Amino acid sequence: MKNRILVFLMTSLLMVLGMQSVFAASSQDRPNIKILATGGTIAGAAATNTNTVSYKSAVFPVDSLINNVPELQQIANVTGEQVCQIGSQDMNNDVWLKLAKRVNALLASDDVDGIVITHGTDTMEETAYFLDLVVKSDKPVVLVGSMRPATAMSADGPLNLYNAVIVAGSKDAKGKGVLVAMDDTIFSGRDVTKTNTFKTDTFKSTELGALGYIQSGKACFYKASVRPHTNKTPFDVSNLTELPKVDIVYGYANASRVYVDAAVKAGVDGLINAGVGDGSLYHEVETGLVDAQKQGVVIVRSSRVGNGIVARNSEVNDDQNNFVVSDTLNPQKARVLLMLALTKTHDLKEIQDMFWKY
């Protein structure tokens, strides 16, 4: 009996030691993921757990978001950093530059394998595309948010965050550009857009499609964006302290040039026209844009439709007017690219080539 007890104790001890060694090895094998927090609904709070619409965003700090999902430590060595604490409707160029520089600094370290950025959903697609153009690393960068505040009884933030860390730690995500992980789906930062004001499946790449899914703790990729991104672009923000001023003018029936003239008077460097249909222009607006271009403002024709290519010289003589067309970029993303293009050149042919390339 004593021998049996002794054997049992020794066996148990060996099992414990073995489990500890496995745990230690797995901890070493886990990717090192940095979570950069900017605020947003994912960090928001409402008065009741049934309120998913009226709430205050950007309440909880990054440590609270991480601690609320203890399962994160089973899939990665996770640490957090608060970059800012805002609702994404207040996102601005200064935060973009700060965020991009911090991302590049972190990814240059061997101690960081990937980055997750928590972000409000209102302007997430713009931040994702901006970073897609200026991050100088092929390591994964994944933006994530939520449509319901952290206090909601069915909050989508915790699982979205868990999935984003899975994607950021996946070797398959390397070299695929800046990504967005929402609602179990992986999107390209260039092509994704918000499509619904309140539903949890609001993010879509409605025409070009998602890149993959997150299922059973694994990032499953089925396609990749073919447009150059990250370290394959010429855009460098390391020495930038500000970005060129670019605004958007919306197209509609019986439109007026007053908004074009006001933007020019305010000193814009470029204007995106969110035109009707294939970026078409009301005649008065077209005249205003031609006058603006003659004063040195770079004009880009995009479309309020949200899908499709804006064709050059289709219904509008872009060659004669010295306009640029946005290809498949929606107005808000066309604005991002034009700002960065203007940090490199004012040559209209070169800028048009950038819109066809990126």
Protein backbone atom coordinates (compact mmCIF):
# COMPACT_ATOMS: atom_id res chain seq x y z
CA MET A 1 0.00 0.00 0.00
CA LYS A 2 2.79 2.41 0.95
CA ASN A 3 4.55 1.65 -2.32
CA ARG A 4 1.35 2.35 -4.26
CA ILE A 5 0.89 5.67 -2.45
CA LEU A 6 4.52 6.58 -3.10
CA VAL A 7 4.16 5.74 -6.81
CA PHE A 8 0.93 7.77 -6.99
CA LEU A 9 2.57 10.80 -5.35
CA MET A 10 5.62 10.60 -7.57
CA THR A 11 3.46 10.23 -10.67
CA SER A 12 1.32 13.19 -9.61
CA LEU A 13 4.42 15.30 -8.99
CA LEU A 14 5.82 14.44 -12.40
CA MET A 15 2.48 15.33 -14.02
CA VAL A 16 2.43 18.71 -12.25
CA LEU A 17 6.01 19.42 -13.24
CA GLY A 18 5.22 18.36 -16.78
CA MET A 19 2.17 20.64 -16.90
CA GLN A 20 4.26 23.52 -15.58
CA SER A 21 6.89 22.98 -18.27
CA VAL A 22 4.20 22.80 -20.94
CA PHE A 23 2.65 26.00 -19.58
CA ALA A 24 6.03 27.74 -19.55
CA ALA A 25 6.76 26.59 -23.10
CA SER A 26 3.37 27.67 -24.35
CA SER A 27 3.79 31.06 -22.71
CA GLN A 28 7.07 31.51 -24.55
CA ASP A 29 5.45 30.43 -27.80
CA ARG A 30 2.55 32.84 -27.53
CA PRO A 31 2.76 35.97 -29.69
CA ASN A 32 3.45 39.29 -28.00
CA ILE A 33 0.51 41.55 -28.83
CA LYS A 34 0.26 45.23 -27.94
CA ILE A 35 -3.23 46.69 -27.61
CA LEU A 36 -3.36 50.41 -28.35
CA ALA A 37 -6.60 51.96 -27.15
CA THR A 38 -8.21 55.08 -28.59
CA GLY A 39 -11.64 54.95 -26.91
CA GLY A 40 -14.85 54.35 -28.82
CA THR A 41 -18.00 52.35 -28.08
CA ILE A 42 -15.95 49.29 -27.15
CA ALA A 43 -14.91 51.31 -24.09
CA GLY A 44 -18.35 52.89 -23.61
CA ALA A 45 -20.88 52.78 -20.79
CA ALA A 46 -24.65 53.20 -20.61
CA ALA A 47 -26.99 53.78 -17.69
CA THR A 48 -28.54 50.30 -18.04
CA ASN A 49 -27.42 47.01 -19.53
CA THR A 50 -30.31 47.05 -22.00
CA ASN A 51 -29.32 50.40 -23.48
CA THR A 52 -27.28 49.89 -26.64
CA VAL A 53 -27.84 53.26 -28.32
CA SER A 54 -27.69 56.07 -25.75
CA TYR A 55 -24.36 55.77 -23.98
CA LYS A 56 -21.09 57.57 -23.35
CA SER A 57 -18.20 56.28 -25.40
CA ALA A 58 -14.54 56.14 -24.37
CA VAL A 59 -15.16 55.58 -20.64
CA PHE A 60 -13.15 52.48 -19.75
CA PRO A 61 -9.33 52.49 -20.05
CA VAL A 62 -7.37 49.83 -21.89
CA ASP A 63 -6.54 47.84 -18.75
CA SER A 64 -10.25 47.39 -18.05
CA LEU A 65 -10.84 46.11 -21.58
CA ILE A 66 -8.04 43.58 -21.20
CA ASN A 67 -9.07 42.47 -17.72
CA ASN A 68 -12.63 41.98 -18.92
CA VAL A 69 -11.40 39.26 -21.28
CA PRO A 70 -9.06 37.07 -19.17
CA GLU A 71 -9.04 34.50 -21.99
CA LEU A 72 -6.70 36.83 -23.90
CA GLN A 73 -3.78 35.65 -21.77
CA GLN A 74 -4.34 32.10 -23.02
CA ILE A 75 -3.73 33.06 -26.66
CA ALA A 76 -1.13 35.84 -26.41
CA ASN A 77 1.13 37.81 -24.12
CA VAL A 78 -1.01 40.93 -24.07
CA THR A 79 -0.13 44.40 -22.82
CA GLY A 80 -2.03 47.64 -23.27
CA GLU A 81 -1.37 51.31 -23.88
CA GLN A 82 -3.80 54.23 -23.97
CA VAL A 83 -3.06 56.44 -27.00
CA CYS A 84 -6.14 58.63 -26.56
CA GLN A 85 -9.64 58.38 -25.10
CA ILE A 86 -12.17 59.73 -27.59
CA GLY A 87 -15.26 58.78 -29.53
CA SER A 88 -14.15 58.20 -33.12
CA GLN A 89 -16.36 61.01 -34.38
CA ASP A 90 -13.63 63.19 -32.83
CA MET A 91 -10.78 61.41 -34.61
CA ASN A 92 -8.40 63.89 -36.23
CA ASN A 93 -5.13 64.21 -38.12
CA ASP A 94 -3.06 64.79 -35.00
CA VAL A 95 -4.20 61.50 -33.47
CA TRP A 96 -3.60 59.70 -36.77
CA LEU A 97 -0.01 60.91 -36.87
CA LYS A 98 0.57 60.06 -33.21
CA LEU A 99 -0.94 56.61 -33.66
CA ALA A 100 1.00 55.84 -36.82
CA LYS A 101 4.31 56.86 -35.30
CA ARG A 102 3.63 54.76 -32.20
CA VAL A 103 2.65 51.73 -34.28
CA ASN A 104 5.82 51.98 -36.36
CA ALA A 105 7.98 52.37 -33.26
CA LEU A 106 6.43 49.31 -31.60
CA LEU A 107 6.59 47.12 -34.69
CA ALA A 108 10.28 47.91 -35.09
CA SER A 109 10.88 46.01 -31.84
CA ASP A 110 11.51 42.27 -31.79
CA ASP A 111 9.40 42.15 -28.62
CA VAL A 112 6.18 42.98 -30.51
CA ASP A 113 4.67 40.48 -32.95
CA GLY A 114 1.47 42.34 -33.72
CA ILE A 115 -0.76 45.24 -32.73
CA VAL A 116 -4.47 45.55 -32.00
CA ILE A 117 -6.05 49.01 -32.01
CA THR A 118 -9.37 49.51 -30.25
CA HIS A 119 -11.32 52.21 -32.05
CA GLY A 120 -14.78 53.69 -32.40
CA THR A 121 -16.66 52.44 -35.43
CA ASP A 122 -17.69 55.82 -36.89
CA THR A 123 -14.32 56.55 -38.51
CA MET A 124 -12.60 53.18 -38.12
CA GLU A 125 -12.48 52.64 -41.88
CA GLU A 126 -10.59 55.91 -42.38
CA THR A 127 -8.03 55.18 -39.66
CA ALA A 128 -7.58 51.66 -41.04
CA TYR A 129 -6.86 52.95 -44.55
CA PHE A 130 -4.56 55.70 -43.27
CA LEU A 131 -2.50 53.15 -41.34
CA ASP A 132 -2.62 50.76 -44.30
CA LEU A 133 -0.75 53.42 -46.28
CA VAL A 134 1.78 54.56 -43.65
CA VAL A 135 2.67 51.59 -41.42
CA LYS A 136 6.18 50.42 -42.30
CA SER A 137 6.09 46.77 -41.29
CA ASP A 138 4.57 43.53 -42.52
CA LYS A 139 3.61 42.52 -38.96
CA PRO A 140 -0.15 42.35 -38.37
CA VAL A 141 -2.03 45.49 -37.35
CA VAL A 142 -5.71 44.89 -36.57
CA LEU A 143 -8.39 47.47 -35.76
CA VAL A 144 -11.36 46.43 -33.67
CA GLY A 145 -14.38 48.04 -32.06
CA SER A 146 -17.96 47.29 -31.11
CA MET A 147 -21.46 48.45 -31.87
CA ARG A 148 -22.67 48.02 -28.31
CA PRO A 149 -21.14 49.57 -25.18
CA ALA A 150 -19.18 47.45 -22.72
CA THR A 151 -22.10 47.61 -20.24
CA ALA A 152 -24.64 46.02 -22.61
CA MET A 153 -25.97 42.57 -21.68
CA SER A 154 -24.98 41.34 -25.15
CA ALA A 155 -21.88 43.48 -25.66
CA ASP A 156 -19.99 42.49 -28.81
CA GLY A 157 -16.74 44.13 -27.74
CA PRO A 158 -15.18 41.30 -25.66
CA LEU A 159 -15.42 38.65 -28.38
CA ASN A 160 -14.40 41.15 -31.07
CA LEU A 161 -11.30 42.00 -29.01
CA TYR A 162 -10.51 38.32 -28.45
CA ASN A 163 -10.82 37.65 -32.19
CA ALA A 164 -8.67 40.67 -33.06
CA VAL A 165 -5.86 39.36 -30.84
CA ILE A 166 -6.15 35.98 -32.59
CA VAL A 167 -5.75 37.70 -35.97
CA ALA A 168 -2.87 39.90 -34.79
CA GLY A 169 -1.06 36.82 -33.49
CA SER A 170 -1.64 34.77 -36.63
CA LYS A 171 1.32 34.12 -38.89
CA ASP A 172 -1.15 34.03 -41.79
CA ALA A 173 -1.99 37.71 -41.16
CA LYS A 174 1.58 38.79 -41.80
CA GLY A 175 1.99 40.86 -44.94
CA LYS A 176 -1.73 41.32 -45.56
CA GLY A 177 -1.83 45.01 -44.66
CA VAL A 178 -3.81 46.71 -41.93
CA LEU A 179 -6.92 44.70 -41.10
CA VAL A 180 -10.27 45.18 -39.39
CA ALA A 181 -11.70 42.32 -37.31
CA MET A 182 -15.40 42.68 -36.55
CA ASP A 183 -18.27 40.23 -36.09
CA ASP A 184 -16.10 37.11 -36.69
CA THR A 185 -14.93 38.53 -40.02
CA ILE A 186 -11.57 39.83 -41.30
CA PHE A 187 -11.55 42.80 -43.66
CA SER A 188 -8.95 44.74 -45.61
CA GLY A 189 -8.46 48.24 -44.21
CA ARG A 190 -8.67 49.62 -47.74
CA ASP A 191 -11.99 48.12 -48.73
CA VAL A 192 -14.06 47.90 -45.54
CA THR A 193 -16.79 50.39 -44.69
CA LYS A 194 -19.49 50.87 -42.07
CA THR A 195 -22.91 50.15 -43.59
CA ASN A 196 -25.45 50.29 -40.74
CA THR A 197 -26.00 52.71 -37.88
CA PHE A 198 -26.62 50.14 -35.14
CA LYS A 199 -26.34 46.48 -36.20
CA THR A 200 -23.38 44.42 -35.03
CA ASP A 201 -22.63 43.21 -38.57
CA THR A 202 -22.31 46.77 -39.84
CA PHE A 203 -18.82 46.39 -41.34
CA LYS A 204 -18.74 45.08 -44.91
CA SER A 205 -16.62 45.02 -47.99
CA THR A 206 -19.81 45.01 -49.97
CA GLU A 207 -18.33 44.70 -53.44
CA LEU A 208 -14.80 43.32 -53.11
CA GLY A 209 -15.51 40.98 -50.21
CA ALA A 210 -14.05 40.06 -46.83
CA LEU A 211 -10.63 38.42 -46.53
CA GLY A 212 -11.67 35.69 -44.14
CA TYR A 213 -13.23 34.64 -40.85
CA ILE A 214 -12.28 33.93 -37.26
CA GLN A 215 -13.58 30.56 -36.18
CA SER A 216 -12.70 28.23 -33.28
CA GLY A 217 -9.79 30.41 -32.25
CA LYS A 218 -8.17 30.54 -35.70
CA ALA A 219 -7.84 33.23 -38.33
CA CYS A 220 -8.95 31.69 -41.62
CA PHE A 221 -7.88 33.65 -44.71
CA TYR A 222 -9.34 32.99 -48.16
CA LYS A 223 -8.09 36.00 -50.12
CA ALA A 224 -5.84 39.06 -49.88
CA SER A 225 -5.85 42.62 -51.18
CA VAL A 226 -3.71 43.07 -54.28
CA ARG A 227 -3.17 46.82 -53.77
CA PRO A 228 0.27 47.82 -52.39
CA HIS A 229 0.17 48.71 -48.70
CA THR A 230 2.28 49.32 -45.57
CA ASN A 231 6.00 49.01 -46.39
CA LYS A 232 5.25 48.89 -50.12
CA THR A 233 3.97 52.49 -50.28
CA PRO A 234 6.03 55.70 -50.51
CA PHE A 235 4.16 57.46 -47.71
CA ASP A 236 6.23 58.24 -44.63
CA VAL A 237 4.85 60.14 -41.63
CA SER A 238 7.92 59.87 -39.40
CA ASN A 239 8.82 63.55 -39.84
CA LEU A 240 5.32 64.95 -40.42
CA THR A 241 3.73 67.22 -37.83
CA GLU A 242 0.60 67.99 -39.86
CA LEU A 243 -1.26 66.81 -42.94
CA PRO A 244 -2.51 68.84 -45.92
CA LYS A 245 -6.05 70.19 -45.55
CA VAL A 246 -8.55 68.25 -47.65
CA ASP A 247 -12.33 68.56 -47.37
CA ILE A 248 -15.32 66.76 -48.92
CA VAL A 249 -18.21 68.36 -50.84
CA TYR A 250 -21.40 66.32 -51.17
CA GLY A 251 -23.31 66.04 -54.43
CA TYR A 252 -27.11 66.20 -54.73
CA ALA A 253 -29.86 67.47 -57.02
CA ASN A 254 -29.83 71.23 -57.57
CA ALA A 255 -26.48 71.48 -55.75
CA SER A 256 -24.70 74.78 -55.17
CA ARG A 257 -21.07 75.81 -55.57
CA VAL A 258 -21.26 77.78 -52.33
CA TYR A 259 -19.62 74.96 -50.37
CA VAL A 260 -16.82 74.66 -52.91
CA ASP A 261 -16.18 78.40 -52.71
CA ALA A 262 -16.28 78.33 -48.91
CA ALA A 263 -13.71 75.51 -48.80
CA VAL A 264 -11.40 77.38 -51.17
CA LYS A 265 -11.74 80.53 -49.08
CA ALA A 266 -10.85 78.48 -45.99
CA GLY A 267 -7.57 77.51 -47.63
CA VAL A 268 -7.98 73.85 -48.53
CA ASP A 269 -5.23 72.08 -50.45
CA GLY A 270 -7.62 69.57 -51.97
CA LEU A 271 -11.30 68.77 -52.38
CA ILE A 272 -13.08 65.47 -52.75
CA ASN A 273 -16.43 65.72 -54.52
CA ALA A 274 -18.83 62.98 -53.43
CA GLY A 275 -20.68 63.10 -56.72
CA VAL A 276 -23.90 61.42 -57.79
CA GLY A 277 -23.78 58.18 -59.77
CA ASP A 278 -20.38 57.79 -61.42
CA GLY A 279 -19.09 60.88 -59.64
CA SER A 280 -21.20 63.12 -61.86
CA LEU A 281 -21.37 66.86 -61.17
CA TYR A 282 -24.18 69.40 -61.13
CA HIS A 283 -23.16 72.04 -63.70
CA GLU A 284 -22.80 74.84 -61.13
CA VAL A 285 -20.64 72.65 -58.90
CA GLU A 286 -18.46 71.64 -61.85
CA THR A 287 -17.84 75.30 -62.65
CA GLY A 288 -16.91 75.95 -59.03
CA LEU A 289 -14.51 72.98 -58.98
CA VAL A 290 -12.84 74.15 -62.20
CA ASP A 291 -12.34 77.60 -60.66
CA ALA A 292 -10.93 75.99 -57.51
CA GLN A 293 -8.51 73.88 -59.55
CA LYS A 294 -7.25 76.99 -61.31
CA GLN A 295 -6.41 78.39 -57.88
CA GLY A 296 -4.24 75.37 -57.11
CA VAL A 297 -6.74 73.16 -55.27
CA VAL A 298 -6.47 69.48 -56.27
CA ILE A 299 -9.90 68.12 -57.20
CA VAL A 300 -10.81 64.43 -56.89
CA ARG A 301 -14.09 63.04 -58.15
CA SER A 302 -15.53 60.26 -55.99
CA SER A 303 -19.09 59.00 -55.62
CA ARG A 304 -21.70 59.00 -52.88
CA VAL A 305 -22.89 55.59 -54.18
CA GLY A 306 -20.23 53.71 -52.24
CA ASN A 307 -19.53 50.96 -54.78
CA GLY A 308 -17.94 50.77 -58.19
CA ILE A 309 -15.15 52.49 -60.10
CA VAL A 310 -15.37 56.21 -60.81
CA ALA A 311 -14.33 56.20 -64.45
CA ARG A 312 -12.09 58.90 -65.83
CA ASN A 313 -13.70 61.18 -68.45
CA SER A 314 -17.10 59.57 -67.95
CA GLU A 315 -19.72 62.36 -68.28
CA VAL A 316 -17.10 64.77 -66.95
CA ASN A 317 -14.05 65.83 -69.01
CA ASP A 318 -11.40 65.18 -66.38
CA ASP A 319 -8.54 65.74 -68.81
CA GLN A 320 -9.82 69.19 -69.74
CA ASN A 321 -10.73 70.13 -66.14
CA ASN A 322 -7.51 68.71 -64.63
CA PHE A 323 -9.48 66.54 -62.23
CA VAL A 324 -8.43 63.27 -60.58
CA VAL A 325 -10.79 60.30 -60.17
CA SER A 326 -10.92 58.11 -57.07
CA ASP A 327 -11.10 54.63 -58.63
CA THR A 328 -13.02 52.49 -56.06
CA LEU A 329 -12.29 54.63 -53.00
CA ASN A 330 -15.31 56.16 -51.30
CA PRO A 331 -15.12 59.90 -50.50
CA GLN A 332 -13.79 59.54 -46.96
CA LYS A 333 -11.04 57.18 -48.06
CA ALA A 334 -10.24 59.27 -51.12
CA ARG A 335 -9.64 62.13 -48.69
CA VAL A 336 -7.10 60.02 -46.77
CA LEU A 337 -5.15 59.14 -49.89
CA LEU A 338 -5.19 62.70 -51.25
CA MET A 339 -3.80 64.08 -47.99
CA LEU A 340 -0.91 61.64 -48.13
CA ALA A 341 -0.41 62.13 -51.88
CA LEU A 342 -0.05 65.87 -51.32
CA THR A 343 2.82 65.23 -48.91
CA LYS A 344 4.72 63.76 -51.86
CA THR A 345 3.66 65.71 -54.95
CA HIS A 346 1.26 68.20 -56.52
CA ASP A 347 1.66 66.73 -59.99
CA LEU A 348 -1.83 65.69 -61.07
CA LYS A 349 -0.68 62.78 -63.23
CA GLU A 350 1.32 61.34 -60.33
CA ILE A 351 -1.63 61.77 -57.97
CA GLN A 352 -3.95 60.03 -60.45
CA ASP A 353 -1.48 57.15 -60.69
CA MET A 354 -1.57 56.87 -56.88
CA PHE A 355 -5.35 56.54 -56.91
CA TRP A 356 -5.15 53.77 -59.49
CA LYS A 357 -2.38 52.03 -57.57
CA TYR A 358 -3.32 52.28 -53.87
